[in-house]
Amino acid sequence: MSFPRLATLKTADAFRARIAALGIELPFDETLATAGHSPLGRPFPRTTGTVGNRFAILPMEGWDGDTDGRPSDLTRRRWRHFGISGAKLIWGGEAVAMRHDGRANPNQLLLNETTLADIASLREELVAAHQERFCRTDDLLVGLQLTHSGRFSRPNDHRRLEPRIVYRHPYLDSRFGISDDRPVLSDSEIAEIADDFVRAARLAQRAGFAFVDLKHCHSYLGHEFLSAVDRPGRYGGSLENRTRFLRDIIAGIRSEAPGLEIGVRVSAFDFRPFEPGPDGAGVPVAARQPYRYAFGADAATGLTVDLRETSELFTLLERLGIELVCTSGGSPYYNPHLLRPAAFPPSDGYQPPEDPLVGVARQIAATAWLKARHPRLTLIGSGYSYLQEWLPHVAERVVRECGADFIGIGRMVLSYPEFPADVLSGRPLLRKRLCRTFSDCTTAPRNGLLSGCFPLDPFYRDRPERTQLVEIKRKRLRS
């Protein structure tokens, strides 16, 4: 399937016409507000202090730390870029494993007593870079995302899964080589992991982070609990049981790290797994009905958004005193077009089954629906990078209409770190640095290389890994 390149939609009329042709709703401002008047630059007051603007840097999975879990010089460069971005909310920087067996790759950051000083120095370098560029940090909010990769753990070898799962999945198990019950976590093992999340949160507080994000998205461990409808016992079946893991961690942090704020990044919806079809475009796997394993989707097919249970989760978060919630959707491993709309898939993926604008609109609409029903929550939206030149136009309207409180930026900051600052100052965007969703930042690490923007960042374009990446992609095309 082919879609018009977004860069060719050069006028508001052309952009509007494409939206209409797709039959979707995607709010946008035809003309951007002048510097100092944009809703994106409006401070966000909170009881714990004001956040200076409405841009957030989303957490991305790091692939360039040392094998002992410490950051490398490449990691430090990326975090300094977060600091100079101009965004005033740093949602985790990147996913940091809270124990070794939960690492998504052998180079993911790991938080423990041994690495504590190094993780703390990352935050310090980010804050120092922000202070140098913008002359104040009293309105900067920096948190750390804590993760256990669960089903997709690869702690010792980039190519070897060492899964820890919540339940036997009727479709994902065979797809990822799970043939028996050995990877299924017992109730006591789950309780130990919850305790380790609390321990890591205490360390994050000592490192100076204002909040921790308890990652519940993208099919990692926390997210898998939300769909554990078939698991017996304390952690499965009812929504009350499926949120017990999260509730236990929150209670532990409140007890052992008082004053540390808690956020949750959650896949507000998931779909059935997809796979390449005859023409290479993604198609949903054949599945028996009902399909009950997609949290936030209809239980009949698992292919349309149904946020009623997600709303119940958000009501629980409100009751627990959680304010910060970041929305996403789907999984990078089996339906990546949901969370990361892109024109070009990673080399091990499938061609987009829909115009990526449809995926952007789906995420924006889901977040707006939840915000309307949970106005007390502070919601950070995701999925914006594909919009490229039109990102500020859509983001302004979303914030103005209270569809989200913050606009989350992920891939865009790899190619164009100063994007938020340029938007807020009214400077013309540097079009040659806009993320065009080539997906090399995913293809490279999926093949054991560094993650970075090889097409657009000269620093990575000149590295020897780029030559390796080009050859890997060439071989995939030939095969």
Foldseek 3Di string as FASTA:
>chain_A
DADDQLVVQPAPVSVVVVCVVQVFDFAFARDADAFPPFQQQPWDQDPVGIAGGFAEAAAAWFQQADLVQFRDPVLLVQLLLLLLQPGQEYAANYEEELDQQQALESRTHYDDPVRLQRVLVSVVSSPVSNCVNPVDNRNHAYEREYFGQAQRGDRDHLPDGPHQAQDDDPPVCVVRPNDDCVNYDDPVRLVVVLVSLLVRQQSRVVSPHQAYEHEQAANGHLVQLCLQCPHDDQRYNDNNSSCVSVVSSLVSNCVPPPRRAYEYEHALWAAAFWAQDPVQETDHDDDDPQCRRIHQADRGHRPHGHRPVVLVVVVVCVVSVHAHYEYAHYHCPGDVLQGAPACAEALRGTGHPDRSVVSLSRQLVSLLVSCVVVVRHQYETGHQLQSFVRSSRSVSVCCVVRSHSHYYDYQQCQQPSNVVVCSSNVHDDPNLSRDNRNCLLPNQVSVVHGGGPCPRHVVNVPDPSVVVSVVVSVVSVVD
